[in-house]
């Protein structure tokens, strides 16, 4: 009997369209951060970059070929751990995310 973790995290990648959505979201977040740093001379909070990294990892995981289930699962777990660490930091030490 397969576990829920095996069925959800280590399932086949969803395909390039969903991966493209995640990667475009990461690019938009990184681009907006870069815009504010370069053009507006203002440094936004760093949680935007961490969120962007989590989305990029998810996008790469979904863009892998179908037989690469284990690599996609590892990337998904890494993305989940990055985003959970962001949530923990927001709740317990928000001063680490602001300048």
C-alpha atoms as a PDB file:
ATOM      1  CA  UNK A   1       0.000   0.000   0.000  1.00  0.00           C
ATOM      2  CA  UNK A   2       1.651   3.232  -1.130  1.00  0.00           C
ATOM      3  CA  UNK A   3       1.880   6.086   1.319  1.00  0.00           C
ATOM      4  CA  UNK A   4       0.318   9.502   0.870  1.00  0.00           C
ATOM      5  CA  UNK A   5       3.784  11.061   0.695  1.00  0.00           C
ATOM      6  CA  UNK A   6       4.717   8.741  -2.148  1.00  0.00           C
ATOM      7  CA  UNK A   7       1.490   9.516  -4.023  1.00  0.00           C
ATOM      8  CA  UNK A   8       1.672  13.297  -3.683  1.00  0.00           C
ATOM      9  CA  UNK A   9       5.280  14.395  -3.390  1.00  0.00           C
ATOM     10  CA  UNK A  10       6.945  11.679  -5.437  1.00  0.00           C
ATOM     11  CA  UNK A  11       4.314  11.509  -8.179  1.00  0.00           C
ATOM     12  CA  UNK A  12       5.097  12.214 -11.809  1.00  0.00           C
ATOM     13  CA  UNK A  13       5.764  15.864 -12.642  1.00  0.00           C
ATOM     14  CA  UNK A  14       2.644  17.684 -13.834  1.00  0.00           C
ATOM     15  CA  UNK A  15       4.265  18.946 -16.997  1.00  0.00           C
ATOM     16  CA  UNK A  16       5.703  22.045 -18.525  1.00  0.00           C
ATOM     17  CA  UNK A  17       2.582  24.296 -18.405  1.00  0.00           C
ATOM     18  CA  UNK A  18       2.355  24.203 -14.607  1.00  0.00           C
ATOM     19  CA  UNK A  19       6.120  24.486 -14.300  1.00  0.00           C
ATOM     20  CA  UNK A  20       6.023  27.515 -16.556  1.00  0.00           C
ATOM     21  CA  UNK A  21       3.409  29.145 -14.318  1.00  0.00           C
ATOM     22  CA  UNK A  22       5.600  28.637 -11.241  1.00  0.00           C
ATOM     23  CA  UNK A  23       8.726  29.856 -13.025  1.00  0.00           C
ATOM     24  CA  UNK A  24       6.937  32.948 -14.382  1.00  0.00           C
ATOM     25  CA  UNK A  25       5.689  33.731 -10.868  1.00  0.00           C
ATOM     26  CA  UNK A  26       9.229  33.437  -9.530  1.00  0.00           C
ATOM     27  CA  UNK A  27      10.488  35.655 -12.337  1.00  0.00           C
ATOM     28  CA  UNK A  28       7.813  38.275 -11.619  1.00  0.00           C
ATOM     29  CA  UNK A  29       8.667  38.344  -7.917  1.00  0.00           C
ATOM     30  CA  UNK A  30      12.401  38.574  -8.617  1.00  0.00           C
ATOM     31  CA  UNK A  31      11.821  41.215 -11.279  1.00  0.00           C
ATOM     32  CA  UNK A  32       9.725  43.366  -8.981  1.00  0.00           C
ATOM     33  CA  UNK A  33      12.384  43.074  -6.278  1.00  0.00           C
ATOM     34  CA  UNK A  34      15.074  44.064  -8.788  1.00  0.00           C
ATOM     35  CA  UNK A  35      12.974  46.974 -10.029  1.00  0.00           C
ATOM     36  CA  UNK A  36      12.638  48.426  -6.559  1.00  0.00           C
ATOM     37  CA  UNK A  37      16.326  47.951  -5.825  1.00  0.00           C
ATOM     38  CA  UNK A  38      17.648  49.403  -9.096  1.00  0.00           C
ATOM     39  CA  UNK A  39      15.098  52.017 -10.153  1.00  0.00           C
ATOM     40  CA  UNK A  40      13.492  53.139  -6.905  1.00  0.00           C
ATOM     41  CA  UNK A  41      16.645  52.786  -4.754  1.00  0.00           C
ATOM     42  CA  UNK A  42      14.567  50.995  -2.131  1.00  0.00           C
ATOM     43  CA  UNK A  43      15.300  47.558  -0.693  1.00  0.00           C
ATOM     44  CA  UNK A  44      12.094  45.601  -0.040  1.00  0.00           C
ATOM     45  CA  UNK A  45      11.852  42.900   2.602  1.00  0.00           C
ATOM     46  CA  UNK A  46      13.820  39.765   1.806  1.00  0.00           C
ATOM     47  CA  UNK A  47      10.826  37.427   2.121  1.00  0.00           C
ATOM     48  CA  UNK A  48      10.064  38.181  -1.541  1.00  0.00           C
ATOM     49  CA  UNK A  49      13.324  36.527  -2.589  1.00  0.00           C
ATOM     50  CA  UNK A  50      12.681  33.485  -0.389  1.00  0.00           C
ATOM     51  CA  UNK A  51       9.177  33.121  -1.821  1.00  0.00           C
ATOM     52  CA  UNK A  52      10.640  33.441  -5.300  1.00  0.00           C
ATOM     53  CA  UNK A  53      13.173  30.691  -4.564  1.00  0.00           C
ATOM     54  CA  UNK A  54      10.417  28.358  -3.378  1.00  0.00           C
ATOM     55  CA  UNK A  55       8.367  28.998  -6.499  1.00  0.00           C
ATOM     56  CA  UNK A  56      11.400  28.480  -8.736  1.00  0.00           C
ATOM     57  CA  UNK A  57      12.160  25.135  -7.110  1.00  0.00           C
ATOM     58  CA  UNK A  58       8.557  24.052  -7.633  1.00  0.00           C
ATOM     59  CA  UNK A  59       8.677  25.186 -11.252  1.00  0.00           C
ATOM     60  CA  UNK A  60      11.842  23.225 -11.922  1.00  0.00           C
ATOM     61  CA  UNK A  61      10.312  20.143 -10.273  1.00  0.00           C
ATOM     62  CA  UNK A  62       7.221  20.305 -12.465  1.00  0.00           C
ATOM     63  CA  UNK A  63       9.253  20.919 -15.636  1.00  0.00           C
ATOM     64  CA  UNK A  64      11.249  17.696 -15.342  1.00  0.00           C
ATOM     65  CA  UNK A  65      10.497  14.765 -17.668  1.00  0.00           C
ATOM     66  CA  UNK A  66       7.951  12.170 -16.496  1.00  0.00           C
ATOM     67  CA  UNK A  67      10.448   9.413 -15.499  1.00  0.00           C
ATOM     68  CA  UNK A  68      12.333  11.749 -13.109  1.00  0.00           C
ATOM     69  CA  UNK A  69       9.908  11.199 -10.209  1.00  0.00           C
ATOM     70  CA  UNK A  70      12.539  11.021  -7.482  1.00  0.00           C
ATOM     71  CA  UNK A  71      14.311  14.218  -8.581  1.00  0.00           C
ATOM     72  CA  UNK A  72      10.967  16.019  -8.795  1.00  0.00           C
ATOM     73  CA  UNK A  73      10.089  14.780  -5.312  1.00  0.00           C
ATOM     74  CA  UNK A  74      13.364  16.013  -3.861  1.00  0.00           C
ATOM     75  CA  UNK A  75      12.866  19.431  -5.458  1.00  0.00           C
ATOM     76  CA  UNK A  76       9.282  19.568  -4.176  1.00  0.00           C
ATOM     77  CA  UNK A  77      10.412  18.690  -0.650  1.00  0.00           C
ATOM     78  CA  UNK A  78      13.122  21.347  -0.847  1.00  0.00           C
ATOM     79  CA  UNK A  79      10.587  23.949  -2.009  1.00  0.00           C
ATOM     80  CA  UNK A  80       8.200  22.984   0.785  1.00  0.00           C
ATOM     81  CA  UNK A  81      10.972  23.215   3.384  1.00  0.00           C
ATOM     82  CA  UNK A  82      12.042  26.651   2.093  1.00  0.00           C
ATOM     83  CA  UNK A  83       8.474  27.951   2.296  1.00  0.00           C
ATOM     84  CA  UNK A  84       7.846  26.397   5.721  1.00  0.00           C
ATOM     85  CA  UNK A  85      11.061  27.991   7.007  1.00  0.00           C
ATOM     86  CA  UNK A  86       9.775  31.313   5.669  1.00  0.00           C
ATOM     87  CA  UNK A  87       6.503  30.864   7.591  1.00  0.00           C
ATOM     88  CA  UNK A  88       8.341  29.924  10.787  1.00  0.00           C
ATOM     89  CA  UNK A  89      10.576  32.962  10.424  1.00  0.00           C
ATOM     90  CA  UNK A  90       7.584  35.237   9.842  1.00  0.00           C
ATOM     91  CA  UNK A  91       5.893  34.003  13.034  1.00  0.00           C
ATOM     92  CA  UNK A  92       8.860  33.684  15.395  1.00  0.00           C
ATOM     93  CA  UNK A  93      11.514  36.151  14.178  1.00  0.00           C
ATOM     94  CA  UNK A  94      10.054  38.652  11.705  1.00  0.00           C
ATOM     95  CA  UNK A  95      12.903  41.080  12.349  1.00  0.00           C
ATOM     96  CA  UNK A  96      15.189  38.744  10.376  1.00  0.00           C
ATOM     97  CA  UNK A  97      13.229  39.461   7.193  1.00  0.00           C
ATOM     98  CA  UNK A  98      13.265  43.245   7.450  1.00  0.00           C
ATOM     99  CA  UNK A  99      16.262  45.499   7.162  1.00  0.00           C
END
